[in-house]
């Protein structure tokens, strides 16, 4: 082994003493390193590969996520947990659409979470009821029913909050989208192309509204009529502002009037509504500030302003 190492050292020393061989070796190593870095950079910058990687990761996450696990767990008991009437199912799907859940697993997951929450709270109460021996049987049963009811109603409360938050985000994004839509239509783009361009521009700042506009383009591209696609937007969002815009656009498309003029008129009307809403919120601030002032500000103020005087009076009476 030592003989081989000594022979290799002698050979490398003799070879690399020649400048041409040394330069060629360094050049080849630099070329291979640059080629490897360029290959990695090209693979990372390739939009098709990046898109496919993102889709594969999303599909893998969806397949192995908790939502799919809950849906698979609830599926055998779906007919016992989920509503059976078509009217109630349509109402729940409408609420899921307003909350931004378009997956078919939304309803099984929702009712599975309700059942799981009810059973969890009930089990926790039954375990903790043994530590309260003074409670009567009626009280234990009452609190068990109350825990079950709270566990079933808590997902409804969370769903309502998600709907309100999404509608607030859509309402805040609507003025920017309307201004961009006016600019695109006035520059010569058609309504569908303008919606597609605005959806691309709002991807970062307002992703919720961008998704809804992208869904309009997908429905129109699939063969749905523009009127129906716009009505679906109004139904999914549940906002009166978007419903009014949809009605205005449908009338403009039906009677052949200028879409840009209709959008400009609605933009002015929407700005007036937004100003009125802001004035209404500002008018209620005085009433909303009463409780923080009474319970937070006034006690500290009186403690700082009157406290030293009260302490001195108490000290004076104590020495007298």
C-alpha atoms as a PDB file:
ATOM      1  CA  UNK A   1       0.000   0.000   0.000  1.00  0.00           C
ATOM      2  CA  UNK A   2       2.807   2.373   0.854  1.00  0.00           C
ATOM      3  CA  UNK A   3       4.490   1.476  -2.412  1.00  0.00           C
ATOM      4  CA  UNK A   4       1.365   2.399  -4.400  1.00  0.00           C
ATOM      5  CA  UNK A   5       1.022   5.693  -2.534  1.00  0.00           C
ATOM      6  CA  UNK A   6       4.644   6.549  -3.165  1.00  0.00           C
ATOM      7  CA  UNK A   7       4.328   5.682  -6.857  1.00  0.00           C
ATOM      8  CA  UNK A   8       1.150   7.827  -7.132  1.00  0.00           C
ATOM      9  CA  UNK A   9       2.843  10.749  -5.396  1.00  0.00           C
ATOM     10  CA  UNK A  10       5.848  10.525  -7.647  1.00  0.00           C
ATOM     11  CA  UNK A  11       3.727  10.271 -10.799  1.00  0.00           C
ATOM     12  CA  UNK A  12       1.434  13.157  -9.831  1.00  0.00           C
ATOM     13  CA  UNK A  13       4.411  15.305  -8.916  1.00  0.00           C
ATOM     14  CA  UNK A  14       6.059  14.603 -12.260  1.00  0.00           C
ATOM     15  CA  UNK A  15       2.818  15.191 -14.199  1.00  0.00           C
ATOM     16  CA  UNK A  16       1.633  18.337 -12.454  1.00  0.00           C
ATOM     17  CA  UNK A  17       5.081  19.890 -12.665  1.00  0.00           C
ATOM     18  CA  UNK A  18       4.299  20.428 -16.350  1.00  0.00           C
ATOM     19  CA  UNK A  19       2.360  23.725 -16.747  1.00  0.00           C
ATOM     20  CA  UNK A  20       0.264  22.535 -19.690  1.00  0.00           C
ATOM     21  CA  UNK A  21      -1.069  19.501 -17.822  1.00  0.00           C
ATOM     22  CA  UNK A  22      -1.818  21.596 -14.733  1.00  0.00           C
ATOM     23  CA  UNK A  23      -3.723  24.199 -16.747  1.00  0.00           C
ATOM     24  CA  UNK A  24      -5.689  21.511 -18.613  1.00  0.00           C
ATOM     25  CA  UNK A  25      -6.653  19.781 -15.359  1.00  0.00           C
ATOM     26  CA  UNK A  26      -7.788  23.017 -13.697  1.00  0.00           C
ATOM     27  CA  UNK A  27      -9.697  24.008 -16.823  1.00  0.00           C
ATOM     28  CA  UNK A  28     -11.480  20.657 -17.032  1.00  0.00           C
ATOM     29  CA  UNK A  29     -12.426  20.793 -13.342  1.00  0.00           C
ATOM     30  CA  UNK A  30     -13.735  24.355 -13.717  1.00  0.00           C
ATOM     31  CA  UNK A  31     -15.713  23.405 -16.826  1.00  0.00           C
ATOM     32  CA  UNK A  32     -17.325  20.403 -15.109  1.00  0.00           C
ATOM     33  CA  UNK A  33     -18.195  22.497 -12.054  1.00  0.00           C
ATOM     34  CA  UNK A  34     -19.742  25.257 -14.182  1.00  0.00           C
ATOM     35  CA  UNK A  35     -21.652  22.692 -16.250  1.00  0.00           C
ATOM     36  CA  UNK A  36     -23.092  21.102 -13.110  1.00  0.00           C
ATOM     37  CA  UNK A  37     -24.124  24.471 -11.664  1.00  0.00           C
ATOM     38  CA  UNK A  38     -25.738  25.527 -14.951  1.00  0.00           C
ATOM     39  CA  UNK A  39     -27.645  22.225 -15.143  1.00  0.00           C
ATOM     40  CA  UNK A  40     -29.000  22.652 -11.627  1.00  0.00           C
ATOM     41  CA  UNK A  41     -29.915  26.299 -12.293  1.00  0.00           C
ATOM     42  CA  UNK A  42     -31.664  25.431 -15.573  1.00  0.00           C
ATOM     43  CA  UNK A  43     -33.670  22.678 -13.882  1.00  0.00           C
ATOM     44  CA  UNK A  44     -34.687  25.041 -11.079  1.00  0.00           C
ATOM     45  CA  UNK A  45     -35.630  27.859 -13.488  1.00  0.00           C
ATOM     46  CA  UNK A  46     -37.614  25.666 -15.859  1.00  0.00           C
ATOM     47  CA  UNK A  47     -41.268  26.784 -15.415  1.00  0.00           C
ATOM     48  CA  UNK A  48     -42.688  23.452 -16.568  1.00  0.00           C
ATOM     49  CA  UNK A  49     -40.571  21.470 -14.121  1.00  0.00           C
ATOM     50  CA  UNK A  50     -41.355  23.924 -11.319  1.00  0.00           C
ATOM     51  CA  UNK A  51     -45.075  23.696 -12.075  1.00  0.00           C
ATOM     52  CA  UNK A  52     -45.012  19.900 -12.174  1.00  0.00           C
ATOM     53  CA  UNK A  53     -43.049  19.782  -8.922  1.00  0.00           C
ATOM     54  CA  UNK A  54     -45.579  22.069  -7.262  1.00  0.00           C
ATOM     55  CA  UNK A  55     -48.518  20.009  -8.500  1.00  0.00           C
ATOM     56  CA  UNK A  56     -46.905  16.782  -7.335  1.00  0.00           C
ATOM     57  CA  UNK A  57     -46.181  18.250  -3.911  1.00  0.00           C
ATOM     58  CA  UNK A  58     -49.730  19.593  -3.614  1.00  0.00           C
ATOM     59  CA  UNK A  59     -51.230  16.276  -4.656  1.00  0.00           C
ATOM     60  CA  UNK A  60     -49.010  14.396  -2.233  1.00  0.00           C
ATOM     61  CA  UNK A  61     -49.885  16.804   0.573  1.00  0.00           C
ATOM     62  CA  UNK A  62     -53.588  16.501  -0.218  1.00  0.00           C
ATOM     63  CA  UNK A  63     -53.440  12.716  -0.322  1.00  0.00           C
ATOM     64  CA  UNK A  64     -51.594  12.478   2.966  1.00  0.00           C
ATOM     65  CA  UNK A  65     -53.141  15.451   4.702  1.00  0.00           C
ATOM     66  CA  UNK A  66     -55.467  15.392   7.687  1.00  0.00           C
ATOM     67  CA  UNK A  67     -58.449  16.358   5.528  1.00  0.00           C
ATOM     68  CA  UNK A  68     -58.132  13.197   3.441  1.00  0.00           C
ATOM     69  CA  UNK A  69     -57.657  11.122   6.593  1.00  0.00           C
ATOM     70  CA  UNK A  70     -60.820  12.564   8.149  1.00  0.00           C
ATOM     71  CA  UNK A  71     -62.747  12.091   4.894  1.00  0.00           C
ATOM     72  CA  UNK A  72     -61.642   8.444   4.666  1.00  0.00           C
ATOM     73  CA  UNK A  73     -62.605   7.913   8.307  1.00  0.00           C
ATOM     74  CA  UNK A  74     -66.026   9.526   7.910  1.00  0.00           C
ATOM     75  CA  UNK A  75     -66.905   7.937   4.557  1.00  0.00           C
ATOM     76  CA  UNK A  76     -68.266   4.649   6.043  1.00  0.00           C
ATOM     77  CA  UNK A  77     -70.476   6.640   8.432  1.00  0.00           C
ATOM     78  CA  UNK A  78     -71.368   9.390   5.973  1.00  0.00           C
ATOM     79  CA  UNK A  79     -75.044   8.549   5.739  1.00  0.00           C
ATOM     80  CA  UNK A  80     -75.367   8.773   9.521  1.00  0.00           C
ATOM     81  CA  UNK A  81     -73.464  12.058   9.906  1.00  0.00           C
ATOM     82  CA  UNK A  82     -74.155  14.133   6.792  1.00  0.00           C
ATOM     83  CA  UNK A  83     -77.567  15.603   5.946  1.00  0.00           C
ATOM     84  CA  UNK A  84     -79.844  13.485   3.815  1.00  0.00           C
ATOM     85  CA  UNK A  85     -82.123  16.170   2.389  1.00  0.00           C
ATOM     86  CA  UNK A  86     -80.984  17.800  -0.832  1.00  0.00           C
ATOM     87  CA  UNK A  87     -82.007  21.256   0.354  1.00  0.00           C
ATOM     88  CA  UNK A  88     -79.750  21.098   3.407  1.00  0.00           C
ATOM     89  CA  UNK A  89     -76.893  19.718   1.327  1.00  0.00           C
ATOM     90  CA  UNK A  90     -77.240  22.581  -1.155  1.00  0.00           C
ATOM     91  CA  UNK A  91     -77.283  25.092   1.700  1.00  0.00           C
ATOM     92  CA  UNK A  92     -74.098  23.631   3.188  1.00  0.00           C
ATOM     93  CA  UNK A  93     -72.361  23.526  -0.193  1.00  0.00           C
ATOM     94  CA  UNK A  94     -73.303  27.171  -0.678  1.00  0.00           C
ATOM     95  CA  UNK A  95     -71.713  28.022   2.675  1.00  0.00           C
ATOM     96  CA  UNK A  96     -68.595  26.044   1.780  1.00  0.00           C
ATOM     97  CA  UNK A  97     -68.351  27.934  -1.517  1.00  0.00           C
ATOM     98  CA  UNK A  98     -68.583  31.268   0.301  1.00  0.00           C
ATOM     99  CA  UNK A  99     -65.843  30.108   2.679  1.00  0.00           C
ATOM    100  CA  UNK A 100     -63.616  29.150  -0.277  1.00  0.00           C
ATOM    101  CA  UNK A 101     -63.819  25.335   0.039  1.00  0.00           C
ATOM    102  CA  UNK A 102     -64.440  23.826  -3.388  1.00  0.00           C
ATOM    103  CA  UNK A 103     -63.222  20.301  -2.633  1.00  0.00           C
ATOM    104  CA  UNK A 104     -65.817  17.484  -2.652  1.00  0.00           C
ATOM    105  CA  UNK A 105     -64.337  16.341   0.665  1.00  0.00           C
ATOM    106  CA  UNK A 106     -65.375  19.566   2.397  1.00  0.00           C
ATOM    107  CA  UNK A 107     -68.721  18.248   3.631  1.00  0.00           C
ATOM    108  CA  UNK A 108     -67.444  14.881   4.952  1.00  0.00           C
ATOM    109  CA  UNK A 109     -64.550  16.633   6.691  1.00  0.00           C
ATOM    110  CA  UNK A 110     -66.858  19.239   8.219  1.00  0.00           C
ATOM    111  CA  UNK A 111     -69.311  16.738   9.645  1.00  0.00           C
ATOM    112  CA  UNK A 112     -66.484  14.460  10.696  1.00  0.00           C
ATOM    113  CA  UNK A 113     -64.921  17.316  12.656  1.00  0.00           C
ATOM    114  CA  UNK A 114     -68.297  18.028  14.254  1.00  0.00           C
ATOM    115  CA  UNK A 115     -68.692  14.419  15.372  1.00  0.00           C
ATOM    116  CA  UNK A 116     -65.078  14.248  16.544  1.00  0.00           C
ATOM    117  CA  UNK A 117     -65.409  17.490  18.511  1.00  0.00           C
ATOM    118  CA  UNK A 118     -68.611  16.347  20.193  1.00  0.00           C
ATOM    119  CA  UNK A 119     -67.113  12.977  21.173  1.00  0.00           C
ATOM    120  CA  UNK A 120     -63.873  14.587  22.378  1.00  0.00           C
ATOM    121  CA  UNK A 121     -65.582  17.109  24.649  1.00  0.00           C
ATOM    122  CA  UNK A 122     -67.956  14.461  25.930  1.00  0.00           C
ATOM    123  CA  UNK A 123     -65.067  12.117  26.735  1.00  0.00           C
ATOM    124  CA  UNK A 124     -63.136  14.904  28.483  1.00  0.00           C
ATOM    125  CA  UNK A 125     -66.167  15.786  30.587  1.00  0.00           C
ATOM    126  CA  UNK A 126     -66.836  12.174  31.551  1.00  0.00           C
ATOM    127  CA  UNK A 127     -63.198  11.802  32.619  1.00  0.00           C
ATOM    128  CA  UNK A 128     -63.265  15.015  34.648  1.00  0.00           C
ATOM    129  CA  UNK A 129     -66.691  14.331  36.193  1.00  0.00           C
ATOM    130  CA  UNK A 130     -65.117  11.721  38.484  1.00  0.00           C
ATOM    131  CA  UNK A 131     -63.098  14.508  40.119  1.00  0.00           C
ATOM    132  CA  UNK A 132     -66.306  16.368  41.073  1.00  0.00           C
ATOM    133  CA  UNK A 133     -68.159  14.031  43.424  1.00  0.00           C
ATOM    134  CA  UNK A 134     -70.500  16.756  44.663  1.00  0.00           C
ATOM    135  CA  UNK A 135     -72.313  16.953  41.337  1.00  0.00           C
ATOM    136  CA  UNK A 136     -75.594  15.151  41.085  1.00  0.00           C
ATOM    137  CA  UNK A 137     -76.509  12.772  38.279  1.00  0.00           C
ATOM    138  CA  UNK A 138     -78.774  15.344  36.637  1.00  0.00           C
ATOM    139  CA  UNK A 139     -75.985  17.922  36.634  1.00  0.00           C
ATOM    140  CA  UNK A 140     -73.523  15.448  35.143  1.00  0.00           C
ATOM    141  CA  UNK A 141     -75.997  14.569  32.378  1.00  0.00           C
ATOM    142  CA  UNK A 142     -76.775  18.249  31.750  1.00  0.00           C
ATOM    143  CA  UNK A 143     -73.107  19.203  31.386  1.00  0.00           C
ATOM    144  CA  UNK A 144     -72.501  16.146  29.184  1.00  0.00           C
ATOM    145  CA  UNK A 145     -75.283  17.266  26.845  1.00  0.00           C
ATOM    146  CA  UNK A 146     -73.890  20.818  26.952  1.00  0.00           C
ATOM    147  CA  UNK A 147     -70.370  19.628  26.021  1.00  0.00           C
ATOM    148  CA  UNK A 148     -71.768  17.578  23.153  1.00  0.00           C
ATOM    149  CA  UNK A 149     -73.751  20.554  21.895  1.00  0.00           C
ATOM    150  CA  UNK A 150     -70.710  22.859  22.103  1.00  0.00           C
ATOM    151  CA  UNK A 151     -68.563  20.321  20.254  1.00  0.00           C
ATOM    152  CA  UNK A 152     -71.119  20.138  17.451  1.00  0.00           C
ATOM    153  CA  UNK A 153     -71.681  23.880  17.199  1.00  0.00           C
ATOM    154  CA  UNK A 154     -68.029  24.959  17.328  1.00  0.00           C
ATOM    155  CA  UNK A 155     -67.307  24.005  13.663  1.00  0.00           C
ATOM    156  CA  UNK A 156     -70.325  26.088  12.597  1.00  0.00           C
ATOM    157  CA  UNK A 157     -68.893  29.075  14.447  1.00  0.00           C
ATOM    158  CA  UNK A 158     -65.490  28.580  12.802  1.00  0.00           C
ATOM    159  CA  UNK A 159     -67.125  28.236   9.366  1.00  0.00           C
ATOM    160  CA  UNK A 160     -69.049  31.492   9.877  1.00  0.00           C
ATOM    161  CA  UNK A 161     -65.843  33.287  10.867  1.00  0.00           C
ATOM    162  CA  UNK A 162     -64.081  31.943   7.757  1.00  0.00           C
ATOM    163  CA  UNK A 163     -66.961  33.158   5.570  1.00  0.00           C
ATOM    164  CA  UNK A 164     -66.832  36.624   7.136  1.00  0.00           C
ATOM    165  CA  UNK A 165     -63.057  36.837   6.768  1.00  0.00           C
ATOM    166  CA  UNK A 166     -63.153  35.786   3.119  1.00  0.00           C
ATOM    167  CA  UNK A 167     -65.982  38.180   2.298  1.00  0.00           C
ATOM    168  CA  UNK A 168     -64.050  40.973   3.998  1.00  0.00           C
ATOM    169  CA  UNK A 169     -60.979  40.147   1.914  1.00  0.00           C
ATOM    170  CA  UNK A 170     -63.058  40.092  -1.285  1.00  0.00           C
ATOM    171  CA  UNK A 171     -64.736  43.375  -0.383  1.00  0.00           C
ATOM    172  CA  UNK A 172     -61.364  45.021   0.246  1.00  0.00           C
ATOM    173  CA  UNK A 173     -59.973  43.672  -3.028  1.00  0.00           C
ATOM    174  CA  UNK A 174     -62.957  44.716  -5.112  1.00  0.00           C
ATOM    175  CA  UNK A 175     -62.005  48.430  -5.627  1.00  0.00           C
ATOM    176  CA  UNK A 176     -58.544  47.555  -6.973  1.00  0.00           C
ATOM    177  CA  UNK A 177     -59.980  44.887  -9.254  1.00  0.00           C
ATOM    178  CA  UNK A 178     -62.627  47.289 -10.546  1.00  0.00           C
ATOM    179  CA  UNK A 179     -60.055  49.974 -11.376  1.00  0.00           C
ATOM    180  CA  UNK A 180     -57.841  47.451 -13.164  1.00  0.00           C
ATOM    181  CA  UNK A 181     -60.833  46.085 -15.049  1.00  0.00           C
ATOM    182  CA  UNK A 182     -61.761  49.577 -16.270  1.00  0.00           C
ATOM    183  CA  UNK A 183     -58.196  50.197 -17.465  1.00  0.00           C
ATOM    184  CA  UNK A 184     -58.076  46.851 -19.303  1.00  0.00           C
ATOM    185  CA  UNK A 185     -61.474  47.322 -20.975  1.00  0.00           C
ATOM    186  CA  UNK A 186     -60.703  50.893 -22.023  1.00  0.00           C
ATOM    187  CA  UNK A 187     -57.396  49.754 -23.517  1.00  0.00           C
ATOM    188  CA  UNK A 188     -59.273  47.497 -25.956  1.00  0.00           C
ATOM    189  CA  UNK A 189     -59.391  44.111 -24.253  1.00  0.00           C
ATOM    190  CA  UNK A 190     -62.568  42.081 -24.217  1.00  0.00           C
ATOM    191  CA  UNK A 191     -64.336  41.212 -20.989  1.00  0.00           C
ATOM    192  CA  UNK A 192     -62.928  37.683 -20.767  1.00  0.00           C
ATOM    193  CA  UNK A 193     -59.388  38.816 -21.582  1.00  0.00           C
ATOM    194  CA  UNK A 194     -59.711  41.691 -19.112  1.00  0.00           C
ATOM    195  CA  UNK A 195     -60.848  39.322 -16.350  1.00  0.00           C
ATOM    196  CA  UNK A 196     -57.930  37.024 -17.110  1.00  0.00           C
ATOM    197  CA  UNK A 197     -55.434  39.902 -17.009  1.00  0.00           C
ATOM    198  CA  UNK A 198     -56.865  41.290 -13.762  1.00  0.00           C
ATOM    199  CA  UNK A 199     -56.770  37.811 -12.196  1.00  0.00           C
ATOM    200  CA  UNK A 200     -53.084  37.573 -13.052  1.00  0.00           C
ATOM    201  CA  UNK A 201     -52.369  41.005 -11.592  1.00  0.00           C
ATOM    202  CA  UNK A 202     -54.165  40.221  -8.315  1.00  0.00           C
ATOM    203  CA  UNK A 203     -52.396  36.928  -7.644  1.00  0.00           C
ATOM    204  CA  UNK A 204     -50.097  38.434  -5.015  1.00  0.00           C
ATOM    205  CA  UNK A 205     -52.086  41.277  -3.486  1.00  0.00           C
ATOM    206  CA  UNK A 206     -55.584  39.717  -3.424  1.00  0.00           C
ATOM    207  CA  UNK A 207     -55.381  35.955  -4.072  1.00  0.00           C
ATOM    208  CA  UNK A 208     -59.007  35.274  -3.062  1.00  0.00           C
ATOM    209  CA  UNK A 209     -60.482  37.497  -5.767  1.00  0.00           C
ATOM    210  CA  UNK A 210     -57.863  36.309  -8.254  1.00  0.00           C
ATOM    211  CA  UNK A 211     -59.001  32.718  -7.721  1.00  0.00           C
ATOM    212  CA  UNK A 212     -62.634  33.685  -8.287  1.00  0.00           C
ATOM    213  CA  UNK A 213     -61.820  35.542 -11.503  1.00  0.00           C
ATOM    214  CA  UNK A 214     -59.690  32.653 -12.686  1.00  0.00           C
ATOM    215  CA  UNK A 215     -62.632  30.344 -12.067  1.00  0.00           C
ATOM    216  CA  UNK A 216     -64.796  32.549 -14.301  1.00  0.00           C
ATOM    217  CA  UNK A 217     -62.290  32.184 -17.123  1.00  0.00           C
ATOM    218  CA  UNK A 218     -62.127  28.417 -16.572  1.00  0.00           C
ATOM    219  CA  UNK A 219     -65.914  28.092 -16.722  1.00  0.00           C
ATOM    220  CA  UNK A 220     -66.146  30.208 -19.866  1.00  0.00           C
ATOM    221  CA  UNK A 221     -63.308  28.225 -21.438  1.00  0.00           C
ATOM    222  CA  UNK A 222     -65.174  25.011 -20.622  1.00  0.00           C
ATOM    223  CA  UNK A 223     -68.180  26.172 -22.654  1.00  0.00           C
ATOM    224  CA  UNK A 224     -70.358  27.875 -20.063  1.00  0.00           C
ATOM    225  CA  UNK A 225     -72.123  31.078 -21.085  1.00  0.00           C
ATOM    226  CA  UNK A 226     -70.689  34.320 -19.787  1.00  0.00           C
ATOM    227  CA  UNK A 227     -73.924  35.293 -18.052  1.00  0.00           C
ATOM    228  CA  UNK A 228     -74.043  32.058 -16.087  1.00  0.00           C
ATOM    229  CA  UNK A 229     -70.339  32.244 -15.185  1.00  0.00           C
ATOM    230  CA  UNK A 230     -70.816  35.766 -13.842  1.00  0.00           C
ATOM    231  CA  UNK A 231     -73.895  34.681 -11.859  1.00  0.00           C
ATOM    232  CA  UNK A 232     -71.871  31.840 -10.375  1.00  0.00           C
ATOM    233  CA  UNK A 233     -69.326  34.399  -9.192  1.00  0.00           C
ATOM    234  CA  UNK A 234     -72.042  36.368  -7.421  1.00  0.00           C
ATOM    235  CA  UNK A 235     -73.417  33.189  -5.833  1.00  0.00           C
ATOM    236  CA  UNK A 236     -70.001  31.989  -4.640  1.00  0.00           C
ATOM    237  CA  UNK A 237     -69.037  35.273  -3.029  1.00  0.00           C
ATOM    238  CA  UNK A 238     -72.427  36.269  -1.605  1.00  0.00           C
ATOM    239  CA  UNK A 239     -71.529  39.986  -1.760  1.00  0.00           C
ATOM    240  CA  UNK A 240     -74.040  42.591  -2.872  1.00  0.00           C
ATOM    241  CA  UNK A 241     -71.307  44.711  -4.462  1.00  0.00           C
ATOM    242  CA  UNK A 242     -70.215  41.894  -6.770  1.00  0.00           C
ATOM    243  CA  UNK A 243     -73.845  40.941  -7.398  1.00  0.00           C
ATOM    244  CA  UNK A 244     -74.566  44.490  -8.557  1.00  0.00           C
ATOM    245  CA  UNK A 245     -71.512  44.483 -10.826  1.00  0.00           C
ATOM    246  CA  UNK A 246     -72.547  41.132 -12.305  1.00  0.00           C
ATOM    247  CA  UNK A 247     -76.042  42.418 -13.027  1.00  0.00           C
ATOM    248  CA  UNK A 248     -74.603  45.519 -14.676  1.00  0.00           C
ATOM    249  CA  UNK A 249     -72.225  43.486 -16.838  1.00  0.00           C
ATOM    250  CA  UNK A 250     -74.974  41.079 -17.884  1.00  0.00           C
ATOM    251  CA  UNK A 251     -77.200  43.973 -18.955  1.00  0.00           C
ATOM    252  CA  UNK A 252     -74.351  45.584 -20.877  1.00  0.00           C
ATOM    253  CA  UNK A 253     -73.565  42.345 -22.695  1.00  0.00           C
ATOM    254  CA  UNK A 254     -77.226  41.657 -23.418  1.00  0.00           C
ATOM    255  CA  UNK A 255     -78.109  45.094 -24.805  1.00  0.00           C
ATOM    256  CA  UNK A 256     -74.767  45.787 -26.471  1.00  0.00           C
ATOM    257  CA  UNK A 257     -73.873  48.913 -24.484  1.00  0.00           C
ATOM    258  CA  UNK A 258     -70.328  49.917 -23.671  1.00  0.00           C
ATOM    259  CA  UNK A 259     -68.842  47.798 -20.895  1.00  0.00           C
ATOM    260  CA  UNK A 260     -66.278  50.510 -20.092  1.00  0.00           C
ATOM    261  CA  UNK A 261     -69.003  53.125 -19.548  1.00  0.00           C
ATOM    262  CA  UNK A 262     -70.977  50.729 -17.355  1.00  0.00           C
ATOM    263  CA  UNK A 263     -67.908  49.927 -15.290  1.00  0.00           C
ATOM    264  CA  UNK A 264     -67.079  53.622 -14.909  1.00  0.00           C
ATOM    265  CA  UNK A 265     -70.593  54.394 -13.687  1.00  0.00           C
ATOM    266  CA  UNK A 266     -70.525  51.499 -11.239  1.00  0.00           C
ATOM    267  CA  UNK A 267     -67.056  52.530 -10.048  1.00  0.00           C
ATOM    268  CA  UNK A 268     -68.341  55.981  -9.149  1.00  0.00           C
ATOM    269  CA  UNK A 269     -71.352  54.472  -7.382  1.00  0.00           C
ATOM    270  CA  UNK A 270     -69.120  52.029  -5.530  1.00  0.00           C
ATOM    271  CA  UNK A 271     -66.840  54.834  -4.356  1.00  0.00           C
ATOM    272  CA  UNK A 272     -69.893  56.628  -2.951  1.00  0.00           C
ATOM    273  CA  UNK A 273     -70.956  53.440  -1.145  1.00  0.00           C
ATOM    274  CA  UNK A 274     -67.467  52.947   0.215  1.00  0.00           C
ATOM    275  CA  UNK A 275     -67.388  56.533   1.500  1.00  0.00           C
ATOM    276  CA  UNK A 276     -70.780  56.083   3.144  1.00  0.00           C
ATOM    277  CA  UNK A 277     -69.619  52.844   4.755  1.00  0.00           C
ATOM    278  CA  UNK A 278     -66.489  54.564   6.071  1.00  0.00           C
ATOM    279  CA  UNK A 279     -68.553  57.439   7.474  1.00  0.00           C
ATOM    280  CA  UNK A 280     -70.904  54.968   9.127  1.00  0.00           C
ATOM    281  CA  UNK A 281     -67.996  53.148  10.764  1.00  0.00           C
ATOM    282  CA  UNK A 282     -66.483  56.441  11.908  1.00  0.00           C
ATOM    283  CA  UNK A 283     -69.809  57.518  13.421  1.00  0.00           C
ATOM    284  CA  UNK A 284     -69.956  54.393  15.591  1.00  0.00           C
ATOM    285  CA  UNK A 285     -66.432  54.800  16.982  1.00  0.00           C
ATOM    286  CA  UNK A 286     -67.618  57.096  19.762  1.00  0.00           C
ATOM    287  CA  UNK A 287     -70.041  54.500  21.084  1.00  0.00           C
ATOM    288  CA  UNK A 288     -67.507  51.691  20.753  1.00  0.00           C
ATOM    289  CA  UNK A 289     -64.906  53.665  22.726  1.00  0.00           C
ATOM    290  CA  UNK A 290     -67.145  54.043  25.791  1.00  0.00           C
ATOM    291  CA  UNK A 291     -66.436  50.584  27.214  1.00  0.00           C
ATOM    292  CA  UNK A 292     -62.617  50.698  26.779  1.00  0.00           C
ATOM    293  CA  UNK A 293     -62.573  54.167  28.337  1.00  0.00           C
ATOM    294  CA  UNK A 294     -64.686  53.134  31.318  1.00  0.00           C
ATOM    295  CA  UNK A 295     -63.048  49.801  32.066  1.00  0.00           C
ATOM    296  CA  UNK A 296     -59.427  50.450  30.940  1.00  0.00           C
ATOM    297  CA  UNK A 297     -58.563  54.147  30.812  1.00  0.00           C
ATOM    298  CA  UNK A 298     -60.578  55.747  33.604  1.00  0.00           C
ATOM    299  CA  UNK A 299     -59.467  53.337  36.400  1.00  0.00           C
ATOM    300  CA  UNK A 300     -55.782  53.939  35.622  1.00  0.00           C
ATOM    301  CA  UNK A 301     -56.374  57.684  35.294  1.00  0.00           C
ATOM    302  CA  UNK A 302     -58.118  57.936  38.661  1.00  0.00           C
ATOM    303  CA  UNK A 303     -55.499  55.697  40.254  1.00  0.00           C
ATOM    304  CA  UNK A 304     -52.701  58.005  39.090  1.00  0.00           C
ATOM    305  CA  UNK A 305     -54.532  61.321  39.623  1.00  0.00           C
ATOM    306  CA  UNK A 306     -56.438  60.621  42.858  1.00  0.00           C
ATOM    307  CA  UNK A 307     -54.333  57.806  44.333  1.00  0.00           C
ATOM    308  CA  UNK A 308     -51.570  59.955  45.918  1.00  0.00           C
ATOM    309  CA  UNK A 309     -54.137  62.301  47.470  1.00  0.00           C
ATOM    310  CA  UNK A 310     -56.081  59.388  48.946  1.00  0.00           C
ATOM    311  CA  UNK A 311     -52.858  57.912  50.392  1.00  0.00           C
ATOM    312  CA  UNK A 312     -51.924  61.234  52.010  1.00  0.00           C
ATOM    313  CA  UNK A 313     -55.392  61.647  53.501  1.00  0.00           C
ATOM    314  CA  UNK A 314     -55.234  58.126  54.924  1.00  0.00           C
ATOM    315  CA  UNK A 315     -51.763  58.838  56.368  1.00  0.00           C
ATOM    316  CA  UNK A 316     -53.008  62.118  57.910  1.00  0.00           C
ATOM    317  CA  UNK A 317     -55.951  60.349  59.608  1.00  0.00           C
ATOM    318  CA  UNK A 318     -53.605  57.598  60.793  1.00  0.00           C
ATOM    319  CA  UNK A 319     -51.249  60.077  62.530  1.00  0.00           C
ATOM    320  CA  UNK A 320     -54.093  62.096  64.093  1.00  0.00           C
END
